[in-house]
N, C-alpha and C. Protein backbone atom coordinates (compact mmCIF):
# COMPACT_ATOMS: atom_id res chain seq x y z
N MET A 1 5.32 14.65 17.11
CA MET A 1 3.74 14.86 17.13
C MET A 1 2.87 13.98 18.66
N PRO A 2 2.20 14.79 19.12
CA PRO A 2 1.43 14.06 20.48
C PRO A 2 0.59 12.89 20.00
N ILE A 3 0.27 11.93 21.04
CA ILE A 3 -0.17 10.91 20.47
C ILE A 3 -1.94 11.25 21.58
N SER A 4 -2.85 11.33 20.89
CA SER A 4 -4.31 11.77 21.33
C SER A 4 -4.50 10.31 22.30
N PRO A 5 -5.67 10.98 23.55
CA PRO A 5 -5.75 11.00 24.82
C PRO A 5 -6.61 8.91 23.95
N LEU A 6 -7.46 9.38 23.32
CA LEU A 6 -8.41 8.62 22.29
C LEU A 6 -6.99 7.59 21.84
N ASP A 7 -6.38 7.24 20.93
CA ASP A 7 -4.90 6.47 20.47
C ASP A 7 -4.45 5.98 21.00
N MET A 8 -4.11 6.48 22.86
CA MET A 8 -3.87 5.66 23.57
C MET A 8 -4.36 4.72 24.15
N GLU A 9 -5.73 5.11 24.22
CA GLU A 9 -6.81 4.06 24.69
C GLU A 9 -6.92 3.41 23.80
N GLY A 10 -6.93 3.22 22.72
CA GLY A 10 -6.94 2.03 21.80
C GLY A 10 -5.90 1.39 21.99
N ASP A 11 -4.34 1.52 22.12
CA ASP A 11 -3.07 1.39 21.87
C ASP A 11 -3.47 0.14 23.04
N LEU A 12 -3.09 0.58 24.48
CA LEU A 12 -3.38 -0.11 25.13
C LEU A 12 -4.16 -1.24 25.20
N SER A 13 -5.63 -0.92 25.02
CA SER A 13 -6.17 -1.23 25.00
C SER A 13 -6.10 -2.86 23.69
N GLU A 14 -5.26 -3.00 22.94
CA GLU A 14 -4.73 -3.50 21.71
C GLU A 14 -3.64 -4.53 22.58
N LEU A 15 -2.97 -3.51 23.27
CA LEU A 15 -1.94 -4.47 23.97
C LEU A 15 -2.08 -5.02 25.14
N ALA A 16 -3.33 -5.11 25.97
CA ALA A 16 -4.07 -5.39 26.79
C ALA A 16 -4.81 -6.74 26.94
N GLN A 17 -5.30 -6.36 25.02
CA GLN A 17 -5.92 -8.00 24.91
C GLN A 17 -4.60 -8.86 24.21
N MET A 18 -3.70 -8.77 23.60
CA MET A 18 -2.20 -9.32 23.18
C MET A 18 -2.17 -10.35 24.04
N ALA A 19 -1.97 -9.49 24.93
CA ALA A 19 -1.36 -10.13 26.50
C ALA A 19 -2.04 -11.12 27.00
N ARG A 20 -3.50 -10.44 26.85
CA ARG A 20 -3.94 -11.98 27.83
C ARG A 20 -3.89 -13.27 26.53
N ILE A 21 -4.20 -12.56 25.19
CA ILE A 21 -4.13 -14.02 24.32
C ILE A 21 -2.88 -14.88 24.38
N ALA A 22 -1.63 -13.96 24.54
CA ALA A 22 -0.49 -14.65 24.85
C ALA A 22 -0.56 -15.30 26.56
N PHE A 23 -1.05 -14.84 27.47
CA PHE A 23 -0.99 -15.54 28.76
C PHE A 23 -2.24 -17.02 28.52
N LEU A 24 -3.32 -16.78 27.86
CA LEU A 24 -3.21 -18.23 27.27
C LEU A 24 -3.23 -18.98 26.57
N THR A 25 -2.35 -18.48 25.33
CA THR A 25 -1.33 -19.08 24.82
C THR A 25 -0.33 -19.99 25.43
N VAL A 26 0.07 -19.35 26.70
CA VAL A 26 1.41 -19.74 27.29
C VAL A 26 1.32 -21.15 28.03
N PHE A 27 -0.58 -20.52 28.85
CA PHE A 27 -1.16 -21.84 29.71
C PHE A 27 -1.64 -23.01 29.45
N GLU A 28 -1.82 -22.84 27.74
CA GLU A 28 -1.95 -23.90 27.12
C GLU A 28 -1.40 -24.89 26.82
N VAL A 29 0.10 -24.01 26.00
CA VAL A 29 1.17 -24.82 26.32
C VAL A 29 1.59 -25.23 27.47
N ILE A 30 2.32 -24.83 28.64
CA ILE A 30 2.91 -25.26 29.75
C ILE A 30 1.84 -26.49 30.34
N GLY A 31 0.58 -26.37 30.22
CA GLY A 31 -0.62 -26.63 30.56
C GLY A 31 -0.43 -27.80 32.02
N ASP A 32 0.27 -29.20 31.98
CA ASP A 32 0.56 -30.67 32.48
C ASP A 32 1.48 -30.20 32.87
N THR A 33 2.67 -29.54 32.37
CA THR A 33 3.77 -29.21 33.33
C THR A 33 3.96 -29.04 34.43
N GLU A 34 4.68 -30.17 34.90
CA GLU A 34 4.94 -30.00 36.59
C GLU A 34 6.46 -29.18 36.29
N PHE A 35 6.79 -28.72 37.76
CA PHE A 35 7.61 -27.61 37.85
C PHE A 35 8.23 -28.12 39.43
N HIS A 36 9.51 -28.12 39.80
CA HIS A 36 10.15 -28.11 40.87
C HIS A 36 10.80 -27.23 41.48
N ARG A 37 10.27 -26.50 42.67
CA ARG A 37 11.15 -24.84 42.68
C ARG A 37 12.36 -25.32 43.42
N SER A 38 13.74 -25.05 43.54
CA SER A 38 14.90 -24.85 44.14
C SER A 38 15.88 -23.91 44.26
N GLY A 39 16.88 -23.54 44.82
CA GLY A 39 17.29 -22.22 44.71
C GLY A 39 17.27 -21.44 45.39
N ASP A 40 17.67 -20.57 46.29
CA ASP A 40 17.85 -19.65 47.58
C ASP A 40 15.81 -19.02 46.86
N GLY A 41 15.73 -18.95 47.68
CA GLY A 41 13.90 -18.41 47.62
C GLY A 41 12.90 -18.86 46.68
N GLY A 42 13.36 -19.78 46.14
CA GLY A 42 12.56 -21.05 45.13
C GLY A 42 12.06 -20.37 43.65
N GLN A 43 13.81 -19.49 43.74
CA GLN A 43 13.63 -18.86 42.13
C GLN A 43 14.47 -20.05 41.05
N VAL A 44 14.49 -20.82 41.19
CA VAL A 44 15.32 -21.76 40.10
C VAL A 44 13.32 -23.11 39.62
N PHE A 45 13.29 -23.08 38.77
CA PHE A 45 11.97 -23.86 38.22
C PHE A 45 12.75 -25.35 37.57
N GLU A 46 12.41 -26.44 37.95
CA GLU A 46 13.16 -27.29 36.99
C GLU A 46 11.70 -28.15 36.77
N VAL A 47 11.34 -28.50 35.60
CA VAL A 47 10.83 -29.57 34.68
C VAL A 47 10.91 -30.71 34.89
N VAL A 48 9.72 -31.34 36.13
CA VAL A 48 9.88 -32.63 36.69
C VAL A 48 9.11 -33.45 34.98
N SER A 49 8.58 -33.03 34.58
CA SER A 49 7.37 -33.90 33.82
C SER A 49 6.74 -32.73 32.58
N HIS A 50 6.72 -32.93 31.27
CA HIS A 50 5.63 -31.88 30.66
C HIS A 50 5.32 -32.89 29.38
N ASP A 51 4.27 -32.30 28.30
CA ASP A 51 3.87 -32.33 27.01
C ASP A 51 4.23 -31.24 26.54
N LEU A 52 5.30 -30.86 26.52
CA LEU A 52 5.49 -29.84 25.82
C LEU A 52 5.83 -30.59 24.21
N THR A 53 5.33 -29.25 23.28
CA THR A 53 5.62 -29.48 21.69
C THR A 53 6.28 -28.43 21.20
N PRO A 54 7.26 -28.87 20.04
CA PRO A 54 7.89 -28.22 19.48
C PRO A 54 7.19 -26.71 19.01
N ASP A 55 5.70 -27.17 18.01
CA ASP A 55 4.95 -26.25 18.19
C ASP A 55 4.55 -25.46 18.45
N GLY A 56 3.83 -26.14 19.78
CA GLY A 56 3.43 -25.65 21.09
C GLY A 56 4.37 -24.24 21.45
N VAL A 57 5.66 -24.68 21.84
CA VAL A 57 6.66 -23.59 22.50
C VAL A 57 7.03 -22.34 20.68
N ALA A 58 6.60 -23.15 20.06
CA ALA A 58 6.80 -22.24 18.59
C ALA A 58 5.86 -21.36 19.00
N ARG A 59 4.22 -21.56 18.93
CA ARG A 59 3.29 -20.57 19.45
C ARG A 59 3.19 -19.92 20.58
N ALA A 60 3.23 -20.63 21.76
CA ALA A 60 4.35 -19.36 23.11
C ALA A 60 4.88 -18.36 22.57
N MET A 61 6.29 -18.47 22.39
CA MET A 61 7.02 -17.41 22.05
C MET A 61 6.81 -16.63 20.80
N PHE A 62 5.95 -17.18 20.22
CA PHE A 62 5.46 -16.44 18.62
C PHE A 62 4.30 -15.12 19.42
N ALA A 63 3.26 -15.44 20.11
CA ALA A 63 2.73 -14.77 21.29
C ALA A 63 2.86 -13.89 21.90
N VAL A 64 4.09 -14.11 22.73
CA VAL A 64 4.80 -13.38 24.00
C VAL A 64 5.81 -12.30 22.94
N GLY A 65 6.55 -12.71 21.89
CA GLY A 65 7.26 -12.11 21.35
C GLY A 65 6.51 -10.63 20.54
N HIS A 66 4.73 -11.13 20.06
CA HIS A 66 4.20 -10.18 19.31
C HIS A 66 3.81 -9.00 20.13
N VAL A 67 3.54 -9.13 21.94
CA VAL A 67 3.40 -8.65 22.90
C VAL A 67 4.35 -7.62 23.21
N GLU A 68 5.83 -8.33 22.98
CA GLU A 68 7.18 -7.22 22.79
C GLU A 68 7.14 -6.08 22.27
N ASP A 69 6.28 -6.58 20.41
CA ASP A 69 6.82 -6.04 19.60
C ASP A 69 5.99 -4.83 19.82
N MET A 70 4.61 -5.16 20.27
CA MET A 70 3.29 -3.80 20.16
C MET A 70 3.99 -3.20 21.66
N ILE A 71 5.10 -3.68 22.68
CA ILE A 71 5.08 -2.50 23.69
C ILE A 71 6.27 -1.42 22.75
N ARG A 72 7.16 -1.93 22.15
CA ARG A 72 7.82 -1.45 21.51
C ARG A 72 7.39 -0.29 20.55
N ALA A 73 6.39 -0.88 19.62
CA ALA A 73 5.73 0.31 18.96
C ALA A 73 5.24 1.39 19.74
N LEU A 74 4.90 1.02 20.89
CA LEU A 74 4.17 2.00 21.80
C LEU A 74 5.11 3.04 21.97
N GLN A 75 6.32 2.38 22.35
CA GLN A 75 7.17 3.34 23.36
C GLN A 75 7.79 4.01 22.04
N LYS A 76 8.08 3.79 21.05
CA LYS A 76 8.72 4.74 19.90
C LYS A 76 7.26 5.71 19.41
N LYS A 77 5.90 5.35 19.32
CA LYS A 77 5.44 6.08 19.21
C LYS A 77 5.07 7.77 20.37
N LEU A 78 5.56 7.12 21.55
CA LEU A 78 5.89 8.03 22.82
C LEU A 78 7.31 8.72 22.65
N ASN A 79 7.66 8.46 22.39
CA ASN A 79 9.26 8.76 21.94
C ASN A 79 10.02 8.39 23.24
N LEU A 80 9.54 7.19 23.79
CA LEU A 80 10.31 6.25 24.91
C LEU A 80 10.99 5.16 24.74
N ASP A 81 11.49 5.18 23.33
CA ASP A 81 12.85 4.62 22.84
C ASP A 81 13.95 5.16 22.98
């Protein structure tokens, strides 16, 4: 069954909102983390100092995982899986 433009707009809006929440959660969690870039083209990131906690990392992983789940659900709804 095809998805209506209104449903598509709603799904994309929810996805964008959750992605923003995930971004803010990750930003809050890594906050004062200091990275050093190395490797060819600076593609390797080494953590120099951090204030990461297991709880913060779990919250960030949950938020990002939820966005992934929403994308997969939308793909299934659009028969793209």
